[in-house]
Amino acid sequence: DTDRGNLMIRIYPKDMPNKLETGNPYFEIQALDFLAKKGLKVPIPTPFKGSTIYTETEESFVFAYFMLEG
């Protein structure tokens, strides 16, 4: 919980893409962006420091967004 609401942090292991249906760890971000542009109320990935909406480590792919009520 933050002063802006509940923050959801998504962390995908780097070896997970071969287990995802799309094979693309960026797909969730792309899908949320597409739906938001169509006018649907969906969570929008929150930029990290430096304005990037995701970050990667050797082991993980990480992004975050604020939860929507309902």
C-alpha atoms as a PDB file:
ATOM      1  CA  ASP A   1       0.000   0.000   0.000  1.00  0.00           C
ATOM      2  CA  THR A   2       1.324   3.441  -0.957  1.00  0.00           C
ATOM      3  CA  ASP A   3      -0.026   7.003  -0.799  1.00  0.00           C
ATOM      4  CA  ARG A   4      -1.210   6.457  -4.404  1.00  0.00           C
ATOM      5  CA  GLY A   5      -2.953   3.147  -3.675  1.00  0.00           C
ATOM      6  CA  ASN A   6      -2.007  -0.512  -3.799  1.00  0.00           C
ATOM      7  CA  LEU A   7       0.987  -1.207  -6.016  1.00  0.00           C
ATOM      8  CA  MET A   8       1.133  -4.528  -7.877  1.00  0.00           C
ATOM      9  CA  ILE A   9       4.632  -5.669  -8.776  1.00  0.00           C
ATOM     10  CA  ARG A  10       4.927  -8.278 -11.515  1.00  0.00           C
ATOM     11  CA  ILE A  11       8.128 -10.334 -11.569  1.00  0.00           C
ATOM     12  CA  TYR A  12       8.708 -12.931 -14.256  1.00  0.00           C
ATOM     13  CA  PRO A  13      11.758 -15.195 -14.144  1.00  0.00           C
ATOM     14  CA  LYS A  14      13.884 -14.910 -17.300  1.00  0.00           C
ATOM     15  CA  ASP A  15      13.423 -18.633 -17.967  1.00  0.00           C
ATOM     16  CA  MET A  16       9.646 -18.159 -17.965  1.00  0.00           C
ATOM     17  CA  PRO A  17       9.109 -16.891 -21.553  1.00  0.00           C
ATOM     18  CA  ASN A  18       9.255 -20.424 -22.881  1.00  0.00           C
ATOM     19  CA  LYS A  19       6.403 -21.209 -20.473  1.00  0.00           C
ATOM     20  CA  LEU A  20       4.242 -18.216 -21.469  1.00  0.00           C
ATOM     21  CA  GLU A  21       1.616 -18.763 -24.162  1.00  0.00           C
ATOM     22  CA  THR A  22       3.012 -15.877 -26.198  1.00  0.00           C
ATOM     23  CA  GLY A  23       6.660 -16.580 -25.416  1.00  0.00           C
ATOM     24  CA  ASN A  24       6.991 -12.835 -24.840  1.00  0.00           C
ATOM     25  CA  PRO A  25       7.396 -11.387 -21.314  1.00  0.00           C
ATOM     26  CA  TYR A  26       6.518  -7.910 -22.691  1.00  0.00           C
ATOM     27  CA  PHE A  27       3.100  -9.120 -23.899  1.00  0.00           C
ATOM     28  CA  GLU A  28       1.264  -8.151 -20.702  1.00  0.00           C
ATOM     29  CA  ILE A  29       2.551  -4.565 -20.946  1.00  0.00           C
ATOM     30  CA  GLN A  30       1.674  -4.415 -24.648  1.00  0.00           C
ATOM     31  CA  ALA A  31      -1.811  -5.812 -23.978  1.00  0.00           C
ATOM     32  CA  LEU A  32      -2.498  -3.299 -21.190  1.00  0.00           C
ATOM     33  CA  ASP A  33      -1.327  -0.439 -23.409  1.00  0.00           C
ATOM     34  CA  PHE A  34      -3.509  -1.637 -26.313  1.00  0.00           C
ATOM     35  CA  LEU A  35      -6.607  -1.935 -24.107  1.00  0.00           C
ATOM     36  CA  ALA A  36      -6.021   1.485 -22.516  1.00  0.00           C
ATOM     37  CA  LYS A  37      -5.767   3.078 -25.976  1.00  0.00           C
ATOM     38  CA  LYS A  38      -9.131   1.481 -26.829  1.00  0.00           C
ATOM     39  CA  GLY A  39     -10.655   3.291 -23.831  1.00  0.00           C
ATOM     40  CA  LEU A  40     -10.892   0.372 -21.427  1.00  0.00           C
ATOM     41  CA  LYS A  41     -10.128   1.030 -17.775  1.00  0.00           C
ATOM     42  CA  VAL A  42      -7.064  -1.145 -17.184  1.00  0.00           C
ATOM     43  CA  PRO A  43      -4.007  -0.726 -14.971  1.00  0.00           C
ATOM     44  CA  ILE A  44      -1.242   1.276 -16.627  1.00  0.00           C
ATOM     45  CA  PRO A  45       2.375   0.222 -15.996  1.00  0.00           C
ATOM     46  CA  THR A  46       4.034   2.733 -13.688  1.00  0.00           C
ATOM     47  CA  PRO A  47       7.397   4.123 -14.770  1.00  0.00           C
ATOM     48  CA  PHE A  48      10.427   3.270 -12.689  1.00  0.00           C
ATOM     49  CA  LYS A  49      13.131   5.828 -11.973  1.00  0.00           C
ATOM     50  CA  GLY A  50      14.401   7.060 -15.321  1.00  0.00           C
ATOM     51  CA  SER A  51      10.918   6.721 -16.939  1.00  0.00           C
ATOM     52  CA  THR A  52      11.271   3.134 -18.177  1.00  0.00           C
ATOM     53  CA  ILE A  53       8.148   1.041 -17.532  1.00  0.00           C
ATOM     54  CA  TYR A  54      10.031  -2.184 -16.901  1.00  0.00           C
ATOM     55  CA  THR A  55      13.389  -3.284 -15.656  1.00  0.00           C
ATOM     56  CA  GLU A  56      15.417  -6.424 -16.187  1.00  0.00           C
ATOM     57  CA  THR A  57      18.020  -8.238 -14.174  1.00  0.00           C
ATOM     58  CA  GLU A  58      19.962 -11.325 -15.154  1.00  0.00           C
ATOM     59  CA  GLU A  59      17.214 -13.434 -13.583  1.00  0.00           C
ATOM     60  CA  SER A  60      13.996 -11.399 -13.888  1.00  0.00           C
ATOM     61  CA  PHE A  61      11.749  -9.125 -15.920  1.00  0.00           C
ATOM     62  CA  VAL A  62       9.885  -6.668 -13.628  1.00  0.00           C
ATOM     63  CA  PHE A  63       7.134  -4.072 -14.006  1.00  0.00           C
ATOM     64  CA  ALA A  64       4.539  -2.507 -11.715  1.00  0.00           C
ATOM     65  CA  TYR A  65       1.155  -0.834 -11.786  1.00  0.00           C
ATOM     66  CA  PHE A  66      -1.353   0.586  -9.342  1.00  0.00           C
ATOM     67  CA  MET A  67      -4.375  -1.592  -8.717  1.00  0.00           C
ATOM     68  CA  LEU A  68      -7.784  -0.432  -9.911  1.00  0.00           C
ATOM     69  CA  GLU A  69     -10.749  -0.613  -7.593  1.00  0.00           C
ATOM     70  CA  GLY A  70     -13.381  -3.166  -8.549  1.00  0.00           C
END
